[in-house]
Amino acid sequence: MPLHVPPAPAPALRSVLQALGSPTAVHEAHTPALRALQGPATAELPLPVHVLDRVRASGRPPRTRLTGWRFLIRGDDRFVAAADTRLTPDGWVFSHFFEGPYVAATERALRQAESLGRRYQPRLLSVPELYMLTLWLHGAVGADAASGLPGAEDLLVPLAPAPPGIAPYRPHLLSELLPVLTHRLTPPAPPVPPSMAAPAA
């Protein structure tokens, strides 16, 4: 299998399994598909969620930071929802369940990635200012999933819905996608005020 899914921290997985086993947590979630399940649900395909910062025309390179782990929730032989965890001073804890287009988009992008013929470590990379989420295919399959920047050969696959002008599911190198993101996120220069001087005679 070309994709090398990194192992999630044990407390993160444990917290999701505990939430899945809690009728209260499932009932209170805004996930009709999850609440409607008749059989068991499982947490699969753990993906570290990173945020891309410093996407500005400032000359400083962007950086990433790990913000959580996301699990796809399978029930009735399909993925019906996802579960996010977050890091607290006491360790990894369950955050919330959710459903919506990013669940199916993540599954589709992962299947697409499996056909690329190269081994990758799948991650998620978010650009919150653009409401954009990408599947990050990291070429260093044995790397620590909690750290690192996209490498020169890594691919970023925008998930649907993607921002206008960015095609979903089309793999990009960071060097290709970063100028587009930088342009979108860099505020325009203020207009130069017209000169108050009288025109020369």
C-alpha atoms as a PDB file:
ATOM      1  CA  MET A   1       0.000   0.000   0.000  1.00  0.00           C
ATOM      2  CA  PRO A   2       1.601   3.310  -1.028  1.00  0.00           C
ATOM      3  CA  LEU A   3       0.185   5.171   1.977  1.00  0.00           C
ATOM      4  CA  HIS A   4       1.913   4.708   5.312  1.00  0.00           C
ATOM      5  CA  VAL A   5      -0.685   5.923   7.829  1.00  0.00           C
ATOM      6  CA  PRO A   6       1.164   7.077  10.959  1.00  0.00           C
ATOM      7  CA  PRO A   7       0.095   5.653  14.316  1.00  0.00           C
ATOM      8  CA  ALA A   8      -1.890   8.089  16.411  1.00  0.00           C
ATOM      9  CA  PRO A   9      -0.959   8.728  20.040  1.00  0.00           C
ATOM     10  CA  ALA A  10      -2.622   6.010  22.118  1.00  0.00           C
ATOM     11  CA  PRO A  11      -4.461   8.515  24.375  1.00  0.00           C
ATOM     12  CA  ALA A  12      -5.962  10.221  21.293  1.00  0.00           C
ATOM     13  CA  LEU A  13      -7.348   6.955  19.947  1.00  0.00           C
ATOM     14  CA  ARG A  14      -8.525   5.908  23.394  1.00  0.00           C
ATOM     15  CA  SER A  15     -10.418   9.168  23.879  1.00  0.00           C
ATOM     16  CA  VAL A  16     -12.219   8.749  20.526  1.00  0.00           C
ATOM     17  CA  LEU A  17     -13.159   5.147  21.308  1.00  0.00           C
ATOM     18  CA  GLN A  18     -14.508   6.234  24.684  1.00  0.00           C
ATOM     19  CA  ALA A  19     -16.599   8.930  22.999  1.00  0.00           C
ATOM     20  CA  LEU A  20     -17.921   6.419  20.440  1.00  0.00           C
ATOM     21  CA  GLY A  21     -18.941   4.179  23.316  1.00  0.00           C
ATOM     22  CA  SER A  22     -20.735   7.016  25.108  1.00  0.00           C
ATOM     23  CA  PRO A  23     -24.415   7.359  24.113  1.00  0.00           C
ATOM     24  CA  THR A  24     -24.354  10.894  25.512  1.00  0.00           C
ATOM     25  CA  ALA A  25     -21.383  12.008  23.397  1.00  0.00           C
ATOM     26  CA  VAL A  26     -22.871  10.501  20.238  1.00  0.00           C
ATOM     27  CA  HIS A  27     -26.360  11.859  20.925  1.00  0.00           C
ATOM     28  CA  GLU A  28     -25.077  15.389  21.557  1.00  0.00           C
ATOM     29  CA  ALA A  29     -22.999  15.446  18.374  1.00  0.00           C
ATOM     30  CA  HIS A  30     -24.346  17.362  15.381  1.00  0.00           C
ATOM     31  CA  THR A  31     -23.944  14.245  13.246  1.00  0.00           C
ATOM     32  CA  PRO A  32     -27.285  12.706  12.187  1.00  0.00           C
ATOM     33  CA  ALA A  33     -25.515   9.948  10.241  1.00  0.00           C
ATOM     34  CA  LEU A  34     -23.526   8.917  13.311  1.00  0.00           C
ATOM     35  CA  ARG A  35     -26.571   9.017  15.592  1.00  0.00           C
ATOM     36  CA  ALA A  36     -28.549   6.902  13.118  1.00  0.00           C
ATOM     37  CA  LEU A  37     -26.063   4.023  13.073  1.00  0.00           C
ATOM     38  CA  GLN A  38     -27.580   0.713  14.137  1.00  0.00           C
ATOM     39  CA  GLY A  39     -24.353  -1.249  14.371  1.00  0.00           C
ATOM     40  CA  PRO A  40     -20.892  -0.605  15.813  1.00  0.00           C
ATOM     41  CA  ALA A  41     -18.678   2.251  14.689  1.00  0.00           C
ATOM     42  CA  THR A  42     -14.903   2.146  14.384  1.00  0.00           C
ATOM     43  CA  ALA A  43     -12.232   4.860  14.296  1.00  0.00           C
ATOM     44  CA  GLU A  44      -9.884   4.439  11.340  1.00  0.00           C
ATOM     45  CA  LEU A  45      -7.231   6.255   9.281  1.00  0.00           C
ATOM     46  CA  PRO A  46      -5.768   8.578  11.927  1.00  0.00           C
ATOM     47  CA  LEU A  47      -4.355  11.704  10.311  1.00  0.00           C
ATOM     48  CA  PRO A  48      -2.315  14.412  12.044  1.00  0.00           C
ATOM     49  CA  VAL A  49      -3.820  17.842  11.422  1.00  0.00           C
ATOM     50  CA  HIS A  50      -1.310  20.639  10.832  1.00  0.00           C
ATOM     51  CA  VAL A  51      -1.928  24.345  10.300  1.00  0.00           C
ATOM     52  CA  LEU A  52       0.132  26.323   7.790  1.00  0.00           C
ATOM     53  CA  ASP A  53       1.270  29.644   9.277  1.00  0.00           C
ATOM     54  CA  ARG A  54       3.215  32.644   7.939  1.00  0.00           C
ATOM     55  CA  VAL A  55       1.644  32.442   4.492  1.00  0.00           C
ATOM     56  CA  ARG A  56       2.501  36.044   3.679  1.00  0.00           C
ATOM     57  CA  ALA A  57       4.837  37.900   1.349  1.00  0.00           C
ATOM     58  CA  SER A  58       7.147  38.693   4.255  1.00  0.00           C
ATOM     59  CA  GLY A  59      10.231  36.818   3.159  1.00  0.00           C
ATOM     60  CA  ARG A  60       9.920  34.421   6.096  1.00  0.00           C
ATOM     61  CA  PRO A  61       9.277  30.782   5.191  1.00  0.00           C
ATOM     62  CA  PRO A  62       5.949  29.332   6.280  1.00  0.00           C
ATOM     63  CA  ARG A  63       5.828  26.920   9.165  1.00  0.00           C
ATOM     64  CA  THR A  64       3.454  24.217  10.298  1.00  0.00           C
ATOM     65  CA  ARG A  65       2.174  23.298  13.723  1.00  0.00           C
ATOM     66  CA  LEU A  66       0.302  20.217  14.839  1.00  0.00           C
ATOM     67  CA  THR A  67      -3.156  21.052  16.179  1.00  0.00           C
ATOM     68  CA  GLY A  68      -4.810  17.662  16.484  1.00  0.00           C
ATOM     69  CA  TRP A  69      -5.463  14.169  15.178  1.00  0.00           C
ATOM     70  CA  ARG A  70      -8.483  13.312  13.055  1.00  0.00           C
ATOM     71  CA  PHE A  71     -10.056   9.876  12.750  1.00  0.00           C
ATOM     72  CA  LEU A  72     -12.568   8.801  10.126  1.00  0.00           C
ATOM     73  CA  ILE A  73     -15.521   6.988  11.691  1.00  0.00           C
ATOM     74  CA  ARG A  74     -16.748   3.926   9.835  1.00  0.00           C
ATOM     75  CA  GLY A  75     -20.212   2.481  10.280  1.00  0.00           C
ATOM     76  CA  ASP A  76     -22.488   0.473   8.012  1.00  0.00           C
ATOM     77  CA  ASP A  77     -19.464  -0.229   5.742  1.00  0.00           C
ATOM     78  CA  ARG A  78     -18.846   3.440   4.960  1.00  0.00           C
ATOM     79  CA  PHE A  79     -17.334   6.511   6.557  1.00  0.00           C
ATOM     80  CA  VAL A  80     -20.143   8.495   8.148  1.00  0.00           C
ATOM     81  CA  ALA A  81     -18.315  11.083  10.269  1.00  0.00           C
ATOM     82  CA  ALA A  82     -14.974  12.131  11.675  1.00  0.00           C
ATOM     83  CA  ALA A  83     -13.654  12.715  15.177  1.00  0.00           C
ATOM     84  CA  ASP A  84     -11.108  15.342  16.164  1.00  0.00           C
ATOM     85  CA  THR A  85      -8.829  15.287  19.179  1.00  0.00           C
ATOM     86  CA  ARG A  86      -6.785  18.103  20.667  1.00  0.00           C
ATOM     87  CA  LEU A  87      -3.772  18.408  22.911  1.00  0.00           C
ATOM     88  CA  THR A  88      -4.273  19.763  26.423  1.00  0.00           C
ATOM     89  CA  PRO A  89      -1.840  20.131  29.351  1.00  0.00           C
ATOM     90  CA  ASP A  90      -3.090  16.717  30.476  1.00  0.00           C
ATOM     91  CA  GLY A  91      -2.541  15.077  27.090  1.00  0.00           C
ATOM     92  CA  TRP A  92      -4.673  14.188  24.073  1.00  0.00           C
ATOM     93  CA  VAL A  93      -8.440  14.390  24.557  1.00  0.00           C
ATOM     94  CA  PHE A  94     -11.504  13.950  22.376  1.00  0.00           C
ATOM     95  CA  SER A  95     -12.738  17.249  20.924  1.00  0.00           C
ATOM     96  CA  HIS A  96     -15.832  16.645  18.774  1.00  0.00           C
ATOM     97  CA  PHE A  97     -17.543  14.583  16.093  1.00  0.00           C
ATOM     98  CA  PHE A  98     -18.527  16.139  12.795  1.00  0.00           C
ATOM     99  CA  GLU A  99     -19.777  15.198   9.345  1.00  0.00           C
ATOM    100  CA  GLY A 100     -20.050  17.035   6.063  1.00  0.00           C
ATOM    101  CA  PRO A 101     -18.199  17.328   2.761  1.00  0.00           C
ATOM    102  CA  TYR A 102     -14.683  17.026   4.165  1.00  0.00           C
ATOM    103  CA  VAL A 103     -15.343  13.450   5.318  1.00  0.00           C
ATOM    104  CA  ALA A 104     -16.110  12.194   1.812  1.00  0.00           C
ATOM    105  CA  ALA A 105     -13.440  14.493   0.324  1.00  0.00           C
ATOM    106  CA  THR A 106     -10.764  13.054   2.606  1.00  0.00           C
ATOM    107  CA  GLU A 107     -11.728   9.503   1.694  1.00  0.00           C
ATOM    108  CA  ARG A 108     -11.678  10.347  -2.024  1.00  0.00           C
ATOM    109  CA  ALA A 109      -8.276  12.058  -1.816  1.00  0.00           C
ATOM    110  CA  LEU A 110      -6.796   9.120   0.122  1.00  0.00           C
ATOM    111  CA  ARG A 111      -8.023   6.667  -2.507  1.00  0.00           C
ATOM    112  CA  GLN A 112      -6.583   8.885  -5.223  1.00  0.00           C
ATOM    113  CA  ALA A 113      -3.249   9.013  -3.387  1.00  0.00           C
ATOM    114  CA  GLU A 114      -3.066   5.227  -3.207  1.00  0.00           C
ATOM    115  CA  SER A 115      -2.953   5.089  -7.002  1.00  0.00           C
ATOM    116  CA  LEU A 116       0.018   7.452  -7.358  1.00  0.00           C
ATOM    117  CA  GLY A 117       2.573   4.668  -7.098  1.00  0.00           C
ATOM    118  CA  ARG A 118       4.771   6.358  -4.463  1.00  0.00           C
ATOM    119  CA  ARG A 119       4.888   5.784  -0.737  1.00  0.00           C
ATOM    120  CA  TYR A 120       3.599   8.723   1.284  1.00  0.00           C
ATOM    121  CA  GLN A 121       2.731   9.510   4.866  1.00  0.00           C
ATOM    122  CA  PRO A 122      -0.741  11.124   4.720  1.00  0.00           C
ATOM    123  CA  ARG A 123      -1.439  14.190   6.828  1.00  0.00           C
ATOM    124  CA  LEU A 124      -3.933  17.038   6.738  1.00  0.00           C
ATOM    125  CA  LEU A 125      -2.770  20.617   6.249  1.00  0.00           C
ATOM    126  CA  SER A 126      -5.164  23.458   6.993  1.00  0.00           C
ATOM    127  CA  VAL A 127      -5.044  27.091   5.882  1.00  0.00           C
ATOM    128  CA  PRO A 128      -7.696  28.568   8.203  1.00  0.00           C
ATOM    129  CA  GLU A 129      -7.704  32.069   6.671  1.00  0.00           C
ATOM    130  CA  LEU A 130      -8.884  30.585   3.363  1.00  0.00           C
ATOM    131  CA  TYR A 131     -11.138  27.921   4.910  1.00  0.00           C
ATOM    132  CA  MET A 132      -8.952  25.478   3.017  1.00  0.00           C
ATOM    133  CA  LEU A 133      -8.007  21.915   3.881  1.00  0.00           C
ATOM    134  CA  THR A 134      -5.528  19.794   1.934  1.00  0.00           C
ATOM    135  CA  LEU A 135      -4.332  16.228   2.069  1.00  0.00           C
ATOM    136  CA  TRP A 136      -0.586  16.533   2.646  1.00  0.00           C
ATOM    137  CA  LEU A 137       1.330  13.601   1.142  1.00  0.00           C
ATOM    138  CA  HIS A 138       4.667  13.598   2.955  1.00  0.00           C
ATOM    139  CA  GLY A 139       7.449  11.716   1.209  1.00  0.00           C
ATOM    140  CA  ALA A 140       9.344  10.864   4.415  1.00  0.00           C
ATOM    141  CA  VAL A 141       7.092   7.991   5.443  1.00  0.00           C
ATOM    142  CA  GLY A 142       8.993   7.269   8.638  1.00  0.00           C
ATOM    143  CA  ALA A 143       9.095  10.883   9.859  1.00  0.00           C
ATOM    144  CA  ASP A 144       7.596  12.068  13.115  1.00  0.00           C
ATOM    145  CA  ALA A 145       4.004  12.856  12.147  1.00  0.00           C
ATOM    146  CA  ALA A 146       3.905  15.736  14.632  1.00  0.00           C
ATOM    147  CA  SER A 147       6.566  17.864  12.954  1.00  0.00           C
ATOM    148  CA  GLY A 148       8.080  18.981   9.681  1.00  0.00           C
ATOM    149  CA  LEU A 149       7.360  21.249   6.733  1.00  0.00           C
ATOM    150  CA  PRO A 150       6.204  20.076   3.322  1.00  0.00           C
ATOM    151  CA  GLY A 151       9.285  18.954   1.443  1.00  0.00           C
ATOM    152  CA  ALA A 152      10.197  19.744  -2.136  1.00  0.00           C
ATOM    153  CA  GLU A 153       8.693  16.469  -3.389  1.00  0.00           C
ATOM    154  CA  ASP A 154       5.648  16.437  -1.089  1.00  0.00           C
ATOM    155  CA  LEU A 155       2.209  16.866  -2.625  1.00  0.00           C
ATOM    156  CA  LEU A 156      -0.711  18.940  -1.364  1.00  0.00           C
ATOM    157  CA  VAL A 157      -4.154  17.885  -2.588  1.00  0.00           C
ATOM    158  CA  PRO A 158      -6.883  20.503  -1.933  1.00  0.00           C
ATOM    159  CA  LEU A 159     -10.076  18.949  -0.618  1.00  0.00           C
ATOM    160  CA  ALA A 160     -13.536  19.962  -1.748  1.00  0.00           C
ATOM    161  CA  PRO A 161     -14.913  22.484  -1.149  1.00  0.00           C
ATOM    162  CA  ALA A 162     -11.786  24.399  -2.155  1.00  0.00           C
ATOM    163  CA  PRO A 163     -11.455  28.190  -2.406  1.00  0.00           C
ATOM    164  CA  PRO A 164     -12.488  29.726  -5.735  1.00  0.00           C
ATOM    165  CA  GLY A 165      -9.816  29.310  -8.383  1.00  0.00           C
ATOM    166  CA  ILE A 166      -8.172  26.310  -6.690  1.00  0.00           C
ATOM    167  CA  ALA A 167      -9.146  22.970  -8.219  1.00  0.00           C
ATOM    168  CA  PRO A 168      -9.940  20.279  -5.669  1.00  0.00           C
ATOM    169  CA  TYR A 169      -8.188  16.915  -5.853  1.00  0.00           C
ATOM    170  CA  ARG A 170      -5.411  18.238  -8.088  1.00  0.00           C
ATOM    171  CA  PRO A 171      -1.995  17.455  -6.522  1.00  0.00           C
ATOM    172  CA  HIS A 172       0.369  20.423  -6.181  1.00  0.00           C
ATOM    173  CA  LEU A 173       3.934  20.830  -5.029  1.00  0.00           C
ATOM    174  CA  LEU A 174       4.206  23.378  -2.215  1.00  0.00           C
ATOM    175  CA  SER A 175       6.298  25.565  -4.548  1.00  0.00           C
ATOM    176  CA  GLU A 176       3.342  25.671  -6.946  1.00  0.00           C
ATOM    177  CA  LEU A 177       0.594  26.247  -4.409  1.00  0.00           C
ATOM    178  CA  LEU A 178       2.363  28.600  -2.009  1.00  0.00           C
ATOM    179  CA  PRO A 179       2.451  31.618  -4.394  1.00  0.00           C
ATOM    180  CA  VAL A 180      -1.305  31.275  -4.924  1.00  0.00           C
ATOM    181  CA  LEU A 181      -1.951  31.160  -1.169  1.00  0.00           C
ATOM    182  CA  THR A 182       0.445  34.045  -0.547  1.00  0.00           C
ATOM    183  CA  HIS A 183      -1.321  36.186  -3.142  1.00  0.00           C
ATOM    184  CA  ARG A 184      -4.706  35.399  -1.597  1.00  0.00           C
ATOM    185  CA  LEU A 185      -3.587  36.187   1.950  1.00  0.00           C
ATOM    186  CA  THR A 186      -1.364  39.226   1.397  1.00  0.00           C
ATOM    187  CA  PRO A 187      -3.408  42.434   1.753  1.00  0.00           C
ATOM    188  CA  PRO A 188      -3.114  44.846  -1.162  1.00  0.00           C
ATOM    189  CA  ALA A 189      -0.768  47.777  -0.769  1.00  0.00           C
ATOM    190  CA  PRO A 190      -2.532  50.978   0.290  1.00  0.00           C
ATOM    191  CA  PRO A 191      -3.142  53.393  -2.578  1.00  0.00           C
ATOM    192  CA  VAL A 192      -0.655  56.190  -2.978  1.00  0.00           C
ATOM    193  CA  PRO A 193      -2.408  59.472  -2.153  1.00  0.00           C
ATOM    194  CA  PRO A 194      -2.464  61.939  -5.031  1.00  0.00           C
ATOM    195  CA  SER A 195       0.038  64.741  -4.808  1.00  0.00           C
ATOM    196  CA  MET A 196      -1.313  67.963  -3.326  1.00  0.00           C
ATOM    197  CA  ALA A 197       1.262  70.027  -5.150  1.00  0.00           C
ATOM    198  CA  ALA A 198       0.042  72.333  -7.891  1.00  0.00           C
ATOM    199  CA  PRO A 199       1.029  71.236 -11.373  1.00  0.00           C
ATOM    200  CA  ALA A 200       4.056  72.946 -12.760  1.00  0.00           C
ATOM    201  CA  ALA A 201       3.334  75.812 -15.140  1.00  0.00           C
END
